[in-house]
């Protein structure tokens, strides 16, 4: 009889790998919809503006712990100013399409970490006007390459809340406006993420 507690403990230890999987493991092969909110900088004619831009993500399991994640984002910012020299207005809008190849690993029973590359394009449109003069407009197509890492915690089954940071390089295209300029931007990104796993 004294051996019964030892036998029970041994049986529990041996059966643990076959118990119900953790929440993070259950979501490994599940399609997910995600919503992100990130701080997005934009540079035009020596103006540096920042806006919080939403993004929608579609996470597809690609086998093992690999996730293929296309995304779609919108951005719009505007500014008006009055001075002794006159009035000015500026607006910018952008559409972002991207795809990431992510590698995931569990972080405890209710968490997950991931990392990988993301590549995308941004189609931007700009308009500016000074003191009632002619309105200037231009469009631009940019290329973005990023290395990202992030994590999420499952508040309830199938719902993950987390964040993502990254190092992003942007190659700005030529404007089709009055002056053609191109260049590159290297900076960091930060984003708040929410994912809903459908099964």
N, C-alpha and C. Protein backbone atom coordinates (compact mmCIF):
# COMPACT_ATOMS: atom_id res chain seq x y z
N UNK A 1 0.80 -1.22 0.00
CA UNK A 1 0.00 0.00 0.00
C UNK A 1 0.83 1.27 0.00
N UNK A 2 1.97 1.30 0.73
CA UNK A 2 2.75 2.53 0.72
C UNK A 2 3.23 2.92 -0.67
N UNK A 3 3.28 1.91 -1.59
CA UNK A 3 3.81 2.22 -2.91
C UNK A 3 2.76 2.88 -3.82
N UNK A 4 1.52 2.88 -3.41
CA UNK A 4 0.48 3.43 -4.28
C UNK A 4 0.69 4.90 -4.63
N UNK A 5 1.02 5.77 -3.68
CA UNK A 5 1.27 7.18 -4.07
C UNK A 5 2.39 7.32 -5.08
N UNK A 6 3.45 6.51 -4.96
CA UNK A 6 4.56 6.57 -5.90
C UNK A 6 4.13 6.10 -7.27
N UNK A 7 3.34 5.03 -7.31
CA UNK A 7 2.85 4.52 -8.60
C UNK A 7 1.93 5.55 -9.26
N UNK A 8 1.07 6.18 -8.46
CA UNK A 8 0.16 7.19 -9.02
C UNK A 8 0.93 8.38 -9.59
N UNK A 9 1.96 8.83 -8.88
CA UNK A 9 2.77 9.95 -9.37
C UNK A 9 3.49 9.58 -10.65
N UNK A 10 4.01 8.34 -10.72
CA UNK A 10 4.71 7.89 -11.92
C UNK A 10 3.75 7.81 -13.10
N UNK A 11 2.52 7.31 -12.85
CA UNK A 11 1.54 7.21 -13.93
C UNK A 11 1.15 8.59 -14.44
N UNK A 12 1.02 9.54 -13.53
CA UNK A 12 0.66 10.91 -13.94
C UNK A 12 1.76 11.53 -14.79
N UNK A 13 3.01 11.28 -14.42
CA UNK A 13 4.13 11.84 -15.18
C UNK A 13 4.20 11.23 -16.56
N UNK A 14 3.95 9.92 -16.67
CA UNK A 14 4.02 9.26 -17.97
C UNK A 14 2.86 9.68 -18.88
N UNK A 15 1.72 10.00 -18.29
CA UNK A 15 0.56 10.35 -19.10
C UNK A 15 0.52 11.82 -19.48
N UNK A 16 1.38 12.67 -18.88
CA UNK A 16 1.36 14.11 -19.14
C UNK A 16 1.55 14.45 -20.61
N UNK A 17 2.50 13.79 -21.35
CA UNK A 17 2.66 14.16 -22.77
C UNK A 17 1.43 13.88 -23.61
N UNK A 18 0.53 13.00 -23.11
CA UNK A 18 -0.64 12.64 -23.90
C UNK A 18 -1.90 13.37 -23.43
N UNK A 19 -1.73 14.29 -22.48
CA UNK A 19 -2.87 15.04 -21.98
C UNK A 19 -3.31 16.07 -23.01
N UNK A 20 -4.37 16.80 -22.72
CA UNK A 20 -4.86 17.83 -23.65
C UNK A 20 -3.80 18.87 -23.90
N UNK A 21 -3.54 19.25 -25.15
CA UNK A 21 -2.49 20.19 -25.46
C UNK A 21 -2.77 21.57 -24.89
N UNK A 22 -1.71 22.33 -24.69
CA UNK A 22 -1.84 23.69 -24.18
C UNK A 22 -2.54 24.56 -25.21
N UNK A 23 -3.02 25.71 -24.75
CA UNK A 23 -3.76 26.61 -25.64
C UNK A 23 -2.90 27.03 -26.81
N UNK A 24 -1.64 27.37 -26.56
CA UNK A 24 -0.75 27.81 -27.65
C UNK A 24 -0.55 26.71 -28.67
N UNK A 25 -0.43 25.45 -28.22
CA UNK A 25 -0.24 24.35 -29.14
C UNK A 25 -1.49 24.08 -29.96
N UNK A 26 -2.65 24.28 -29.38
CA UNK A 26 -3.90 24.07 -30.10
C UNK A 26 -4.05 25.03 -31.27
N UNK A 27 -3.41 26.18 -31.22
CA UNK A 27 -3.55 27.19 -32.26
C UNK A 27 -2.50 27.08 -33.35
N UNK A 28 -1.61 26.09 -33.26
CA UNK A 28 -0.52 25.98 -34.23
C UNK A 28 -1.03 25.76 -35.64
N UNK A 29 -2.07 24.94 -35.82
CA UNK A 29 -2.56 24.62 -37.15
C UNK A 29 -3.89 25.29 -37.45
N UNK A 30 -4.14 26.45 -36.84
CA UNK A 30 -5.41 27.14 -37.01
C UNK A 30 -5.21 28.43 -37.81
N UNK A 31 -6.16 28.70 -38.69
CA UNK A 31 -6.19 29.98 -39.40
C UNK A 31 -6.60 31.08 -38.43
N UNK A 32 -6.02 32.26 -38.57
CA UNK A 32 -6.30 33.35 -37.64
C UNK A 32 -6.52 34.65 -38.39
N UNK A 33 -7.40 35.47 -37.84
CA UNK A 33 -7.58 36.85 -38.27
C UNK A 33 -6.94 37.75 -37.23
N UNK A 34 -6.19 38.75 -37.68
CA UNK A 34 -5.51 39.63 -36.74
C UNK A 34 -5.76 41.09 -37.03
N UNK A 35 -5.68 41.89 -35.99
CA UNK A 35 -5.79 43.34 -36.11
C UNK A 35 -4.61 43.97 -35.40
N UNK A 36 -3.91 44.87 -36.08
CA UNK A 36 -2.75 45.54 -35.50
C UNK A 36 -2.89 47.05 -35.55
N UNK A 37 -2.25 47.72 -34.61
CA UNK A 37 -2.23 49.18 -34.58
C UNK A 37 -0.79 49.60 -34.35
N UNK A 38 -0.22 50.29 -35.34
CA UNK A 38 1.19 50.66 -35.27
C UNK A 38 1.38 52.14 -35.54
N UNK A 39 2.47 52.68 -35.02
CA UNK A 39 2.85 54.06 -35.27
C UNK A 39 3.60 54.11 -36.60
N UNK A 40 3.08 54.93 -37.53
CA UNK A 40 3.62 54.97 -38.88
C UNK A 40 4.16 56.36 -39.21
N UNK A 41 5.47 56.48 -39.49
CA UNK A 41 6.01 57.78 -39.87
C UNK A 41 5.90 58.00 -41.39
N UNK A 42 5.84 59.25 -41.80
CA UNK A 42 5.83 59.57 -43.22
C UNK A 42 6.62 60.85 -43.44
N UNK A 43 7.42 60.89 -44.48
CA UNK A 43 8.28 62.03 -44.78
C UNK A 43 7.93 62.56 -46.17
N UNK A 44 7.67 63.89 -46.26
CA UNK A 44 7.35 64.51 -47.54
C UNK A 44 7.77 65.97 -47.48
N UNK A 45 8.67 66.37 -48.41
CA UNK A 45 9.14 67.75 -48.48
C UNK A 45 9.64 68.26 -47.12
N UNK A 46 10.49 67.46 -46.50
CA UNK A 46 11.11 67.80 -45.21
C UNK A 46 10.11 67.81 -44.04
N UNK A 47 8.87 67.39 -44.27
CA UNK A 47 7.90 67.24 -43.20
C UNK A 47 7.95 65.81 -42.67
N UNK A 48 7.94 65.68 -41.34
CA UNK A 48 7.95 64.36 -40.72
C UNK A 48 6.70 64.25 -39.86
N UNK A 49 5.76 63.38 -40.29
CA UNK A 49 4.49 63.23 -39.60
C UNK A 49 4.34 61.78 -39.13
N UNK A 50 3.58 61.59 -38.05
CA UNK A 50 3.34 60.27 -37.51
C UNK A 50 1.86 60.07 -37.26
N UNK A 51 1.37 58.90 -37.61
CA UNK A 51 -0.03 58.57 -37.37
C UNK A 51 -0.13 57.11 -36.96
N UNK A 52 -1.17 56.78 -36.20
CA UNK A 52 -1.41 55.39 -35.84
C UNK A 52 -2.27 54.76 -36.94
N UNK A 53 -1.73 53.72 -37.57
CA UNK A 53 -2.38 53.12 -38.72
C UNK A 53 -2.82 51.69 -38.40
N UNK A 54 -4.07 51.34 -38.72
CA UNK A 54 -4.53 49.97 -38.50
C UNK A 54 -4.10 49.05 -39.62
N UNK A 55 -3.92 47.77 -39.28
CA UNK A 55 -3.62 46.74 -40.26
C UNK A 55 -4.44 45.50 -39.96
N UNK A 56 -4.81 44.80 -41.02
CA UNK A 56 -5.53 43.54 -40.90
C UNK A 56 -4.60 42.42 -41.36
N UNK A 57 -4.55 41.33 -40.58
CA UNK A 57 -3.65 40.21 -40.86
C UNK A 57 -4.45 38.93 -41.06
N UNK A 58 -3.91 38.06 -41.92
CA UNK A 58 -4.49 36.75 -42.17
C UNK A 58 -3.38 35.72 -41.99
N UNK A 59 -3.44 34.95 -40.92
CA UNK A 59 -2.38 34.01 -40.58
C UNK A 59 -2.76 32.60 -41.04
N UNK A 60 -1.95 32.04 -41.94
CA UNK A 60 -2.18 30.70 -42.46
C UNK A 60 -1.10 29.76 -41.94
N UNK A 61 -1.45 28.63 -41.31
CA UNK A 61 -0.43 27.65 -40.92
C UNK A 61 0.18 27.03 -42.17
N UNK A 62 1.52 26.96 -42.21
CA UNK A 62 2.23 26.44 -43.39
C UNK A 62 3.00 25.17 -43.07
N UNK A 63 2.62 24.48 -42.01
CA UNK A 63 3.31 23.24 -41.65
C UNK A 63 4.29 23.45 -40.52
N UNK A 64 4.25 22.53 -39.57
CA UNK A 64 5.13 22.67 -38.42
C UNK A 64 4.80 23.92 -37.63
N UNK A 65 5.80 24.72 -37.37
CA UNK A 65 5.61 25.97 -36.63
C UNK A 65 5.82 27.19 -37.54
N UNK A 66 5.54 27.02 -38.81
CA UNK A 66 5.71 28.09 -39.80
C UNK A 66 4.35 28.73 -40.08
N UNK A 67 4.31 30.05 -40.11
CA UNK A 67 3.08 30.80 -40.36
C UNK A 67 3.30 31.73 -41.55
N UNK A 68 2.40 31.69 -42.51
CA UNK A 68 2.41 32.62 -43.64
C UNK A 68 1.35 33.67 -43.35
N UNK A 69 1.76 34.96 -43.30
CA UNK A 69 0.86 36.00 -42.83
C UNK A 69 0.80 37.19 -43.80
N UNK A 70 -0.15 37.19 -44.75
CA UNK A 70 -0.39 38.40 -45.55
C UNK A 70 -1.07 39.47 -44.69
N UNK A 71 -0.92 40.72 -45.10
CA UNK A 71 -1.54 41.82 -44.34
C UNK A 71 -1.93 42.95 -45.29
N UNK A 72 -2.86 43.77 -44.79
CA UNK A 72 -3.39 44.90 -45.54
C UNK A 72 -3.55 46.06 -44.57
N UNK A 73 -3.05 47.24 -44.96
CA UNK A 73 -3.12 48.38 -44.06
C UNK A 73 -3.51 49.66 -44.77
N UNK A 74 -4.11 50.58 -44.03
CA UNK A 74 -4.51 51.89 -44.52
C UNK A 74 -3.90 52.96 -43.63
N UNK A 75 -3.63 54.12 -44.23
CA UNK A 75 -3.00 55.21 -43.49
C UNK A 75 -3.48 56.53 -44.07
N UNK A 76 -3.80 57.49 -43.20
CA UNK A 76 -4.14 58.83 -43.68
C UNK A 76 -3.80 59.84 -42.60
N UNK A 77 -3.20 60.95 -43.03
CA UNK A 77 -2.85 62.02 -42.11
C UNK A 77 -3.00 63.35 -42.85
N UNK A 78 -3.41 64.39 -42.15
CA UNK A 78 -3.55 65.72 -42.76
C UNK A 78 -3.17 66.79 -41.75
N UNK A 79 -2.79 67.93 -42.27
CA UNK A 79 -2.36 69.03 -41.40
C UNK A 79 -2.65 70.36 -42.09
N UNK A 80 -3.12 71.34 -41.29
CA UNK A 80 -3.33 72.70 -41.77
C UNK A 80 -2.63 73.66 -40.83
N UNK A 81 -2.08 74.73 -41.39
CA UNK A 81 -1.35 75.70 -40.57
C UNK A 81 -1.64 77.11 -41.05
N UNK A 82 -1.67 78.02 -40.11
CA UNK A 82 -1.85 79.44 -40.41
C UNK A 82 -0.66 80.21 -39.85
N UNK A 83 -0.16 81.18 -40.65
CA UNK A 83 0.96 82.01 -40.21
C UNK A 83 0.84 83.37 -40.86
N UNK A 84 1.75 84.29 -40.50
CA UNK A 84 1.74 85.62 -41.12
C UNK A 84 1.99 85.54 -42.61
N UNK A 85 2.70 84.51 -43.03
CA UNK A 85 3.02 84.38 -44.46
C UNK A 85 1.86 83.82 -45.25
N UNK A 86 0.87 83.25 -44.57
CA UNK A 86 -0.27 82.67 -45.26
C UNK A 86 -0.67 81.34 -44.64
N UNK A 87 -1.52 80.64 -45.34
CA UNK A 87 -2.00 79.35 -44.85
C UNK A 87 -1.44 78.22 -45.73
N UNK A 88 -1.36 77.04 -45.14
CA UNK A 88 -0.87 75.88 -45.87
C UNK A 88 -1.64 74.65 -45.42
N UNK A 89 -1.74 73.69 -46.30
CA UNK A 89 -2.39 72.43 -45.97
C UNK A 89 -1.60 71.28 -46.60
N UNK A 90 -1.68 70.15 -45.94
CA UNK A 90 -0.95 68.97 -46.41
C UNK A 90 -1.75 67.73 -46.02
N UNK A 91 -1.83 66.78 -46.92
CA UNK A 91 -2.47 65.50 -46.61
C UNK A 91 -1.72 64.38 -47.30
N UNK A 92 -1.76 63.22 -46.67
CA UNK A 92 -1.10 62.04 -47.22
C UNK A 92 -1.94 60.82 -46.90
N UNK A 93 -2.01 59.89 -47.83
CA UNK A 93 -2.70 58.63 -47.61
C UNK A 93 -1.88 57.51 -48.23
N UNK A 94 -2.05 56.30 -47.71
CA UNK A 94 -1.25 55.18 -48.20
C UNK A 94 -2.00 53.88 -48.02
N UNK A 95 -1.72 52.96 -48.91
CA UNK A 95 -2.22 51.59 -48.82
C UNK A 95 -1.00 50.67 -48.78
N UNK A 96 -0.99 49.75 -47.81
CA UNK A 96 0.14 48.86 -47.60
C UNK A 96 -0.29 47.42 -47.81
N UNK A 97 0.46 46.69 -48.63
CA UNK A 97 0.28 45.25 -48.81
C UNK A 97 1.58 44.56 -48.47
N UNK A 98 1.53 43.52 -47.64
CA UNK A 98 2.75 42.86 -47.20
C UNK A 98 2.48 41.38 -46.93
N UNK A 99 3.56 40.62 -46.81
CA UNK A 99 3.46 39.21 -46.43
C UNK A 99 4.68 38.87 -45.58
N UNK A 100 4.46 38.07 -44.55
CA UNK A 100 5.53 37.68 -43.64
C UNK A 100 5.61 36.16 -43.58
N UNK A 101 6.82 35.66 -43.38
CA UNK A 101 7.07 34.24 -43.14
C UNK A 101 7.60 34.13 -41.71
N UNK A 102 6.77 33.62 -40.81
CA UNK A 102 7.07 33.64 -39.39
C UNK A 102 7.34 32.25 -38.85
N UNK A 103 8.23 32.17 -37.86
CA UNK A 103 8.57 30.93 -37.19
C UNK A 103 8.18 31.08 -35.72
N UNK A 104 7.35 30.16 -35.23
CA UNK A 104 6.76 30.31 -33.90
C UNK A 104 7.33 29.28 -32.93
N UNK A 105 7.32 29.63 -31.65
CA UNK A 105 7.69 28.70 -30.58
C UNK A 105 6.84 29.03 -29.36
N UNK A 106 6.55 28.01 -28.56
CA UNK A 106 5.72 28.20 -27.37
C UNK A 106 6.50 28.96 -26.29
N UNK A 107 5.77 29.77 -25.55
CA UNK A 107 6.32 30.47 -24.38
C UNK A 107 5.41 30.13 -23.20
N UNK A 108 5.65 29.01 -22.59
CA UNK A 108 4.77 28.54 -21.55
C UNK A 108 3.54 27.89 -22.15
N UNK A 109 2.54 27.63 -21.33
CA UNK A 109 1.34 26.95 -21.80
C UNK A 109 0.35 27.89 -22.47
N UNK A 110 0.45 29.19 -22.20
CA UNK A 110 -0.53 30.15 -22.73
C UNK A 110 0.11 31.28 -23.52
N UNK A 111 1.30 31.06 -24.06
CA UNK A 111 1.97 32.12 -24.80
C UNK A 111 2.70 31.58 -26.01
N UNK A 112 3.08 32.50 -26.89
CA UNK A 112 3.81 32.12 -28.10
C UNK A 112 4.71 33.26 -28.52
N UNK A 113 5.89 32.91 -28.99
CA UNK A 113 6.84 33.85 -29.57
C UNK A 113 6.97 33.55 -31.05
N UNK A 114 7.30 34.57 -31.84
CA UNK A 114 7.51 34.35 -33.28
C UNK A 114 8.51 35.37 -33.81
N UNK A 115 9.10 35.05 -34.94
CA UNK A 115 10.06 35.94 -35.59
C UNK A 115 10.14 35.57 -37.06
N UNK A 116 10.64 36.52 -37.88
CA UNK A 116 10.78 36.24 -39.29
C UNK A 116 10.84 37.50 -40.13
N UNK A 117 10.97 37.34 -41.46
CA UNK A 117 11.03 38.50 -42.37
C UNK A 117 9.64 38.89 -42.88
N UNK A 118 9.50 40.16 -43.23
CA UNK A 118 8.27 40.66 -43.85
C UNK A 118 8.66 41.56 -45.02
N UNK A 119 7.98 41.42 -46.14
CA UNK A 119 8.24 42.25 -47.32
C UNK A 119 6.91 42.84 -47.77
N UNK A 120 6.93 44.09 -48.22
CA UNK A 120 5.69 44.72 -48.63
C UNK A 120 5.91 45.90 -49.55
N UNK A 121 4.82 46.42 -50.06
CA UNK A 121 4.84 47.63 -50.90
C UNK A 121 3.83 48.61 -50.33
N UNK A 122 4.11 49.90 -50.52
CA UNK A 122 3.24 50.96 -50.03
C UNK A 122 2.96 51.92 -51.18
N UNK A 123 1.69 52.13 -51.48
CA UNK A 123 1.29 53.10 -52.49
C UNK A 123 0.80 54.35 -51.77
N UNK A 124 1.51 55.46 -51.96
CA UNK A 124 1.22 56.69 -51.23
C UNK A 124 0.75 57.79 -52.18
N UNK A 125 -0.10 58.65 -51.66
CA UNK A 125 -0.58 59.82 -52.41
C UNK A 125 -0.47 61.05 -51.52
N UNK A 126 0.01 62.17 -52.08
CA UNK A 126 0.25 63.39 -51.33
C UNK A 126 -0.45 64.57 -52.01
N UNK A 127 -0.92 65.51 -51.20
CA UNK A 127 -1.47 66.77 -51.71
C UNK A 127 -1.03 67.90 -50.79
N UNK A 128 -0.65 69.03 -51.39
CA UNK A 128 -0.23 70.19 -50.60
C UNK A 128 -0.67 71.47 -51.31
N UNK A 129 -0.91 72.51 -50.50
CA UNK A 129 -1.36 73.79 -51.04
C UNK A 129 -0.87 74.89 -50.11
N UNK A 130 -0.45 76.03 -50.70
CA UNK A 130 0.04 77.15 -49.90
C UNK A 130 -0.64 78.44 -50.33
N UNK A 131 -1.30 79.09 -49.38
CA UNK A 131 -1.92 80.42 -49.56
C UNK A 131 -2.78 80.51 -50.81
N UNK A 132 -3.64 79.52 -51.01
CA UNK A 132 -4.56 79.58 -52.13
C UNK A 132 -3.94 79.36 -53.48
N UNK A 133 -2.65 79.00 -53.51
CA UNK A 133 -1.99 78.74 -54.78
C UNK A 133 -2.42 77.42 -55.38
N UNK A 134 -1.76 77.02 -56.46
CA UNK A 134 -2.13 75.75 -57.10
C UNK A 134 -1.89 74.57 -56.15
N UNK A 135 -2.77 73.59 -56.24
CA UNK A 135 -2.63 72.39 -55.41
C UNK A 135 -1.65 71.43 -56.07
N UNK A 136 -0.64 71.03 -55.33
CA UNK A 136 0.35 70.08 -55.82
C UNK A 136 -0.01 68.68 -55.34
N UNK A 137 0.08 67.73 -56.23
CA UNK A 137 -0.21 66.35 -55.86
C UNK A 137 0.82 65.42 -56.48
N UNK A 138 1.05 64.31 -55.83
CA UNK A 138 2.00 63.32 -56.33
C UNK A 138 1.65 61.96 -55.75
N UNK A 139 2.20 60.94 -56.37
CA UNK A 139 2.05 59.57 -55.90
C UNK A 139 3.40 58.88 -55.89
N UNK A 140 3.50 57.84 -55.05
CA UNK A 140 4.79 57.17 -54.90
C UNK A 140 4.57 55.71 -54.53
N UNK A 141 5.44 54.84 -55.01
CA UNK A 141 5.41 53.43 -54.67
C UNK A 141 6.71 53.07 -53.95
N UNK A 142 6.59 52.59 -52.70
CA UNK A 142 7.75 52.26 -51.88
C UNK A 142 7.84 50.76 -51.65
N UNK A 143 9.05 50.30 -51.43
CA UNK A 143 9.33 48.91 -51.09
C UNK A 143 9.80 48.84 -49.64
N UNK A 144 9.25 47.89 -48.87
CA UNK A 144 9.62 47.75 -47.46
C UNK A 144 10.11 46.33 -47.17
N UNK A 145 11.23 46.24 -46.45
CA UNK A 145 11.78 44.98 -45.97
C UNK A 145 11.96 45.10 -44.46
N UNK A 146 11.55 44.09 -43.71
CA UNK A 146 11.62 44.18 -42.26
C UNK A 146 11.96 42.83 -41.65
N UNK A 147 12.64 42.88 -40.52
CA UNK A 147 12.85 41.72 -39.66
C UNK A 147 12.06 41.98 -38.38
N UNK A 148 11.13 41.10 -38.05
CA UNK A 148 10.22 41.35 -36.93
C UNK A 148 10.28 40.22 -35.92
N UNK A 149 9.92 40.54 -34.70
CA UNK A 149 9.76 39.54 -33.65
C UNK A 149 8.64 40.00 -32.73
N UNK A 150 7.91 39.05 -32.20
CA UNK A 150 6.78 39.41 -31.35
C UNK A 150 6.33 38.24 -30.50
N UNK A 151 5.29 38.48 -29.76
CA UNK A 151 4.74 37.45 -28.91
C UNK A 151 3.29 37.73 -28.60
N UNK A 152 2.59 36.72 -28.13
CA UNK A 152 1.19 36.88 -27.76
C UNK A 152 0.87 35.99 -26.56
N UNK A 153 -0.11 36.42 -25.80
CA UNK A 153 -0.59 35.69 -24.64
C UNK A 153 -2.07 35.40 -24.84
N UNK A 154 -2.48 34.16 -24.60
CA UNK A 154 -3.86 33.77 -24.83
C UNK A 154 -4.69 34.08 -23.58
N UNK A 155 -5.44 35.17 -23.66
CA UNK A 155 -6.31 35.55 -22.56
C UNK A 155 -7.39 34.50 -22.33
N UNK A 156 -7.96 34.02 -23.42
CA UNK A 156 -8.92 32.92 -23.43
C UNK A 156 -8.55 32.05 -24.62
N UNK A 157 -9.03 30.82 -24.68
CA UNK A 157 -8.73 29.99 -25.85
C UNK A 157 -9.11 30.68 -27.15
N UNK A 158 -8.18 30.65 -28.11
CA UNK A 158 -8.34 31.17 -29.47
C UNK A 158 -8.20 32.69 -29.58
N UNK A 159 -7.98 33.41 -28.49
CA UNK A 159 -7.82 34.86 -28.56
C UNK A 159 -6.47 35.25 -27.97
N UNK A 160 -5.57 35.74 -28.84
CA UNK A 160 -4.23 36.12 -28.41
C UNK A 160 -4.02 37.62 -28.46
N UNK A 161 -3.46 38.18 -27.40
CA UNK A 161 -3.14 39.60 -27.33
C UNK A 161 -1.63 39.72 -27.17
N UNK A 162 -1.00 40.58 -27.98
CA UNK A 162 0.45 40.70 -27.89
C UNK A 162 0.97 41.93 -28.60
N UNK A 163 2.25 41.90 -28.89
CA UNK A 163 2.90 43.02 -29.55
C UNK A 163 4.00 42.54 -30.46
N UNK A 164 4.46 43.46 -31.29
CA UNK A 164 5.52 43.13 -32.26
C UNK A 164 6.44 44.33 -32.42
N UNK A 165 7.73 44.07 -32.52
CA UNK A 165 8.72 45.10 -32.82
C UNK A 165 9.54 44.63 -34.02
N UNK A 166 10.12 45.58 -34.72
CA UNK A 166 10.89 45.20 -35.90
C UNK A 166 11.86 46.28 -36.33
N UNK A 167 12.77 45.88 -37.19
CA UNK A 167 13.70 46.79 -37.86
C UNK A 167 13.30 46.81 -39.32
N UNK A 168 12.93 48.00 -39.82
CA UNK A 168 12.32 48.12 -41.15
C UNK A 168 13.13 49.05 -42.04
N UNK A 169 13.38 48.60 -43.27
CA UNK A 169 14.06 49.41 -44.28
C UNK A 169 13.06 49.71 -45.40
N UNK A 170 12.94 50.98 -45.74
CA UNK A 170 12.02 51.41 -46.80
C UNK A 170 12.79 52.08 -47.91
N UNK A 171 12.60 51.60 -49.12
CA UNK A 171 13.14 52.24 -50.31
C UNK A 171 12.03 53.08 -50.92
N UNK A 172 12.17 54.40 -50.84
CA UNK A 172 11.14 55.29 -51.36
C UNK A 172 11.29 55.45 -52.87
N UNK A 173 10.18 55.35 -53.57
CA UNK A 173 10.21 55.48 -55.01
C UNK A 173 10.21 56.93 -55.46
N UNK A 174 10.31 57.14 -56.76
CA UNK A 174 10.27 58.48 -57.33
C UNK A 174 8.85 59.02 -57.31
N UNK A 175 8.71 60.29 -56.90
CA UNK A 175 7.40 60.95 -56.98
C UNK A 175 7.09 61.26 -58.43
N UNK A 176 5.78 61.23 -58.75
CA UNK A 176 5.38 61.66 -60.09
C UNK A 176 4.90 63.11 -60.07
N UNK A 177 5.26 63.85 -59.00
CA UNK A 177 4.88 65.25 -58.88
C UNK A 177 5.90 66.17 -59.52
N UNK A 178 5.93 67.45 -59.09
CA UNK A 178 6.84 68.43 -59.70
C UNK A 178 8.31 68.07 -59.56
N UNK A 179 8.69 67.46 -58.43
CA UNK A 179 10.10 67.12 -58.22
C UNK A 179 10.21 65.63 -57.92
N UNK A 180 11.13 64.97 -58.61
CA UNK A 180 11.35 63.54 -58.41
C UNK A 180 12.47 63.34 -57.40
N UNK A 181 12.17 62.62 -56.36
CA UNK A 181 13.17 62.32 -55.35
C UNK A 181 12.99 60.87 -54.90
N UNK A 182 14.09 60.22 -54.57
CA UNK A 182 14.03 58.87 -54.03
C UNK A 182 15.08 58.76 -52.93
N UNK A 183 14.91 57.82 -52.07
CA UNK A 183 15.85 57.64 -50.97
C UNK A 183 15.49 56.40 -50.19
N UNK A 184 15.97 56.32 -48.96
CA UNK A 184 15.67 55.16 -48.13
C UNK A 184 15.54 55.60 -46.67
N UNK A 185 14.79 54.83 -45.91
CA UNK A 185 14.55 55.09 -44.49
C UNK A 185 14.80 53.79 -43.73
N UNK A 186 15.57 53.86 -42.66
CA UNK A 186 15.80 52.72 -41.79
C UNK A 186 15.34 53.09 -40.39
N UNK A 187 14.45 52.30 -39.83
CA UNK A 187 13.94 52.64 -38.51
C UNK A 187 13.31 51.43 -37.83
N UNK A 188 12.87 51.64 -36.63
CA UNK A 188 12.23 50.58 -35.85
C UNK A 188 10.72 50.76 -35.89
N UNK A 189 10.01 49.67 -35.67
CA UNK A 189 8.56 49.68 -35.64
C UNK A 189 8.06 49.04 -34.34
N UNK A 190 6.89 49.42 -33.91
CA UNK A 190 6.25 48.83 -32.74
C UNK A 190 4.75 48.75 -33.02
N UNK A 191 4.14 47.65 -32.60
CA UNK A 191 2.75 47.42 -32.95
C UNK A 191 2.04 46.62 -31.87
N UNK A 192 0.81 46.96 -31.61
CA UNK A 192 -0.07 46.20 -30.72
C UNK A 192 -0.89 45.26 -31.58
N UNK A 193 -0.95 43.97 -31.17
CA UNK A 193 -1.61 42.97 -32.02
C UNK A 193 -2.69 42.21 -31.26
N UNK A 194 -3.74 41.83 -32.00
CA UNK A 194 -4.81 40.99 -31.48
C UNK A 194 -5.14 39.95 -32.56
N UNK A 195 -5.11 38.65 -32.19
CA UNK A 195 -5.41 37.57 -33.15
C UNK A 195 -6.55 36.71 -32.62
N UNK A 196 -7.43 36.34 -33.55
CA UNK A 196 -8.52 35.43 -33.23
C UNK A 196 -8.36 34.17 -34.08
N UNK A 197 -8.12 33.02 -33.43
CA UNK A 197 -7.93 31.75 -34.10
C UNK A 197 -9.29 31.07 -34.29
N UNK A 198 -9.57 30.67 -35.52
CA UNK A 198 -10.90 30.20 -35.85
C UNK A 198 -11.18 28.77 -35.42
N UNK A 199 -10.17 28.03 -35.05
CA UNK A 199 -10.42 26.70 -34.49
C UNK A 199 -9.23 26.27 -33.64
